[in-house]
């Protein structure tokens, strides 16, 4: 058996297995979407309120008071990054920055968990569907060649069935692309929020260090 015969034999398997593959991929993608949606909803964060709270607590009670206030809402990535630095307050500004940076890297990984699957599925699912359509077209014309009595009606029926694979690929791809972009923007926004809070805290910490240094002088 030469390579042409081997590929033809494979192509004649039809597009049904491709459709089942797309069904499996769609189920997995729905699971990822639900898991990410729940994760982001649990980590919902009121940035305006948090900024005001951080400033007021730092001005009125210092770092310890601010830390106690934010420990109550440690379910969001922004707060976990901030608290990682606050825990190292007595070790100096550099230690605080390093602790925040390390925690920021961890939270970024958690925020983007499984999103690479959606990002890969979106562009590739239409091609998987198109591949199924091509297999269906090959099968339709092969059946016409081996059974001319079937007529154009049979071929058109098989071609329409083959096009279903392309439609299925698009149906899988569109939600994956949309929600991938939504979740990535949400993740980037949370990292930006964390940077803002970290900057406010570090600014306060540096100001306190400067004042303490001036008092010592």
Protein backbone atom coordinates (compact mmCIF):
# COMPACT_ATOMS: atom_id res chain seq x y z
CA UNK A 1 0.00 0.00 0.00
CA UNK A 2 1.48 3.35 -1.08
CA UNK A 3 1.06 6.61 0.76
CA UNK A 4 -1.84 7.76 -1.46
CA UNK A 5 -3.83 4.64 -0.71
CA UNK A 6 -3.06 4.95 3.00
CA UNK A 7 -4.24 8.55 3.12
CA UNK A 8 -7.34 7.75 1.08
CA UNK A 9 -8.20 4.96 3.48
CA UNK A 10 -7.81 7.39 6.37
CA UNK A 11 -9.86 10.07 4.62
CA UNK A 12 -12.70 7.63 3.96
CA UNK A 13 -13.18 7.31 7.71
CA UNK A 14 -15.22 10.47 7.23
CA UNK A 15 -15.78 13.55 9.34
CA UNK A 16 -17.70 11.93 12.18
CA UNK A 17 -14.64 11.39 14.36
CA UNK A 18 -13.69 15.04 13.82
CA UNK A 19 -17.12 16.09 15.05
CA UNK A 20 -16.69 13.96 18.15
CA UNK A 21 -13.29 15.55 18.73
CA UNK A 22 -14.89 18.99 18.52
CA UNK A 23 -17.60 17.91 20.95
CA UNK A 24 -14.95 16.78 23.45
CA UNK A 25 -13.00 20.01 23.02
CA UNK A 26 -16.16 22.06 23.49
CA UNK A 27 -16.99 20.23 26.73
CA UNK A 28 -13.47 20.84 28.06
CA UNK A 29 -13.61 24.50 27.03
CA UNK A 30 -16.96 24.99 28.77
CA UNK A 31 -15.47 23.47 31.91
CA UNK A 32 -12.51 25.88 31.73
CA UNK A 33 -14.84 28.84 31.15
CA UNK A 34 -17.00 27.98 34.16
CA UNK A 35 -13.96 27.40 36.40
CA UNK A 36 -12.39 30.72 35.38
CA UNK A 37 -15.67 32.60 35.76
CA UNK A 38 -16.11 31.27 39.31
CA UNK A 39 -12.49 32.11 40.13
CA UNK A 40 -12.77 35.71 38.97
CA UNK A 41 -16.14 36.22 40.65
CA UNK A 42 -14.74 34.97 43.95
CA UNK A 43 -11.86 37.38 43.60
CA UNK A 44 -14.10 40.36 42.86
CA UNK A 45 -12.50 43.52 44.16
CA UNK A 46 -13.68 47.10 44.65
CA UNK A 47 -10.55 49.02 43.69
CA UNK A 48 -11.90 52.48 44.49
CA UNK A 49 -12.93 51.48 48.00
CA UNK A 50 -9.66 49.60 48.57
CA UNK A 51 -7.56 52.58 47.53
CA UNK A 52 -9.41 54.90 49.89
CA UNK A 53 -9.21 52.35 52.71
CA UNK A 54 -5.47 51.83 52.27
CA UNK A 55 -4.72 55.54 52.27
CA UNK A 56 -6.85 56.27 55.31
CA UNK A 57 -5.53 53.35 57.35
CA UNK A 58 -1.91 54.17 56.52
CA UNK A 59 -2.38 57.81 57.42
CA UNK A 60 -4.32 57.14 60.60
CA UNK A 61 -2.94 53.89 62.00
CA UNK A 62 0.12 52.93 60.00
CA UNK A 63 1.05 49.68 58.32
CA UNK A 64 -0.20 47.36 61.05
CA UNK A 65 -3.66 48.92 61.02
CA UNK A 66 -3.82 48.71 57.20
CA UNK A 67 -2.75 45.09 57.28
CA UNK A 68 -5.47 44.17 59.75
CA UNK A 69 -8.07 45.89 57.56
CA UNK A 70 -7.04 44.06 54.41
CA UNK A 71 -6.66 40.63 56.00
CA UNK A 72 -10.46 40.48 56.07
CA UNK A 73 -10.59 40.51 52.26
CA UNK A 74 -7.64 38.27 51.45
CA UNK A 75 -9.64 36.35 48.84
CA UNK A 76 -8.57 38.59 45.98
CA UNK A 77 -5.18 38.47 44.21
CA UNK A 78 -4.66 42.20 44.71
CA UNK A 79 -4.91 41.88 48.48
CA UNK A 80 -2.73 38.77 48.63
CA UNK A 81 0.02 40.64 46.78
CA UNK A 82 -0.33 43.63 49.10
CA UNK A 83 -0.32 41.48 52.24
CA UNK A 84 2.79 39.64 51.06
CA UNK A 85 4.64 42.93 51.25
CA UNK A 86 3.00 44.09 54.46
CA UNK A 87 4.20 40.94 56.20
CA UNK A 88 7.79 42.05 55.52
CA UNK A 89 7.32 45.66 56.63
CA UNK A 90 9.89 45.42 59.43
CA UNK A 91 12.55 44.09 57.02
CA UNK A 92 12.75 47.26 54.93
CA UNK A 93 11.53 48.60 51.63
CA UNK A 94 13.61 46.28 49.45
CA UNK A 95 12.33 43.18 51.24
CA UNK A 96 8.76 44.41 50.82
CA UNK A 97 9.28 44.98 47.09
CA UNK A 98 10.80 41.53 46.61
CA UNK A 99 8.00 39.85 48.54
CA UNK A 100 5.37 41.64 46.48
CA UNK A 101 7.17 40.80 43.25
CA UNK A 102 7.36 37.11 44.12
CA UNK A 103 3.69 36.98 45.10
CA UNK A 104 2.72 38.92 41.97
CA UNK A 105 4.37 36.24 39.82
CA UNK A 106 2.45 33.51 41.65
CA UNK A 107 -0.86 35.33 41.30
CA UNK A 108 -0.25 35.96 37.59
CA UNK A 109 0.12 32.23 37.05
CA UNK A 110 -3.08 31.56 38.99
CA UNK A 111 -4.98 34.25 37.09
CA UNK A 112 -3.94 32.85 33.72
CA UNK A 113 -4.47 29.21 34.67
CA UNK A 114 -5.97 27.18 31.77
CA UNK A 115 -6.35 30.29 29.63
CA UNK A 116 -3.70 29.00 27.24
CA UNK A 117 -6.12 26.19 26.37
CA UNK A 118 -8.79 28.69 25.34
CA UNK A 119 -6.21 30.80 23.54
CA UNK A 120 -5.06 27.78 21.54
CA UNK A 121 -8.51 26.34 20.91
CA UNK A 122 -9.92 29.57 19.48
CA UNK A 123 -7.58 29.80 16.47
CA UNK A 124 -7.31 26.04 15.85
CA UNK A 125 -10.92 24.83 16.17
CA UNK A 126 -11.98 26.26 12.76
CA UNK A 127 -9.10 24.43 11.11
CA UNK A 128 -10.10 21.20 12.83
CA UNK A 129 -13.61 21.69 11.49
CA UNK A 130 -12.27 22.50 8.04
CA UNK A 131 -10.20 19.33 8.15
CA UNK A 132 -13.38 17.35 8.83
CA UNK A 133 -15.07 19.07 5.90
CA UNK A 134 -12.20 18.18 3.58
CA UNK A 135 -12.41 14.56 4.68
CA UNK A 136 -16.15 14.61 3.99
CA UNK A 137 -15.63 16.07 0.52
CA UNK A 138 -13.03 13.43 -0.30
CA UNK A 139 -15.45 10.73 0.80
CA UNK A 140 -18.30 12.23 -1.23
CA UNK A 141 -16.35 12.35 -4.48
CA UNK A 142 -14.90 8.90 -3.87
CA UNK A 143 -18.42 7.53 -3.47
CA UNK A 144 -19.47 9.26 -6.69
CA UNK A 145 -16.52 7.75 -8.54
CA UNK A 146 -17.17 4.24 -7.28
CA UNK A 147 -20.97 4.48 -7.48
CA UNK A 148 -22.00 6.81 -10.35
CA UNK A 149 -25.59 5.61 -10.11
CA UNK A 150 -25.94 7.44 -6.82
CA UNK A 151 -26.14 10.73 -8.68
CA UNK A 152 -25.44 14.29 -7.70
CA UNK A 153 -28.14 14.22 -5.01
CA UNK A 154 -26.20 11.75 -2.89
CA UNK A 155 -23.02 13.78 -3.32
CA UNK A 156 -24.73 17.01 -2.32
CA UNK A 157 -26.13 15.33 0.78
CA UNK A 158 -22.68 14.15 1.79
CA UNK A 159 -21.19 17.56 1.08
CA UNK A 160 -23.76 19.29 3.27
CA UNK A 161 -23.02 16.84 6.05
CA UNK A 162 -19.30 17.53 5.63
CA UNK A 163 -19.84 21.29 5.98
CA UNK A 164 -21.32 20.67 9.40
CA UNK A 165 -17.78 20.09 10.64
CA UNK A 166 -16.73 23.60 9.64
CA UNK A 167 -19.78 25.07 11.36
CA UNK A 168 -19.01 23.04 14.47
CA UNK A 169 -15.43 24.29 14.48
CA UNK A 170 -16.60 27.89 14.36
CA UNK A 171 -19.16 27.22 17.08
CA UNK A 172 -16.39 25.94 19.36
CA UNK A 173 -13.91 28.68 18.42
CA UNK A 174 -16.02 31.83 18.84
CA UNK A 175 -16.83 31.49 22.59
CA UNK A 176 -13.25 30.39 23.27
CA UNK A 177 -11.79 33.48 21.60
CA UNK A 178 -14.26 35.88 23.23
CA UNK A 179 -13.87 34.54 26.77
CA UNK A 180 -10.11 34.18 26.42
CA UNK A 181 -9.89 37.90 25.70
CA UNK A 182 -12.32 38.72 28.52
CA UNK A 183 -10.42 36.66 31.09
CA UNK A 184 -7.02 37.95 29.97
CA UNK A 185 -8.19 41.54 30.31
CA UNK A 186 -9.58 40.75 33.75
CA UNK A 187 -6.27 39.19 34.78
CA UNK A 188 -4.29 42.18 33.51
CA UNK A 189 -6.63 44.55 35.32
CA UNK A 190 -6.10 42.70 38.60
CA UNK A 191 -2.34 42.86 38.22
CA UNK A 192 -2.63 46.59 37.48
CA UNK A 193 -4.79 47.06 40.58
CA UNK A 194 -2.20 45.21 42.63
CA UNK A 195 0.55 47.43 41.25
CA UNK A 196 -1.41 50.54 42.24
CA UNK A 197 -1.96 49.31 45.81
CA UNK A 198 1.65 48.16 46.07
CA UNK A 199 2.84 51.54 44.83
CA UNK A 200 0.75 53.39 47.42
CA UNK A 201 2.04 51.21 50.21
CA UNK A 202 5.67 51.44 49.09
CA UNK A 203 5.37 55.21 48.77
CA UNK A 204 4.10 55.42 52.32
CA UNK A 205 6.84 53.07 53.53
CA UNK A 206 9.58 55.07 51.81
CA UNK A 207 8.18 58.28 53.26
CA UNK A 208 8.20 56.81 56.73
CA UNK A 209 11.79 55.61 56.28
CA UNK A 210 12.82 59.09 55.12
CA UNK A 211 11.14 60.69 58.12
CA UNK A 212 12.73 58.23 60.52
CA UNK A 213 16.10 58.89 58.95
CA UNK A 214 15.58 62.63 59.28
CA UNK A 215 14.60 62.28 62.91
CA UNK A 216 17.72 60.26 63.62
CA UNK A 217 19.83 62.96 62.02
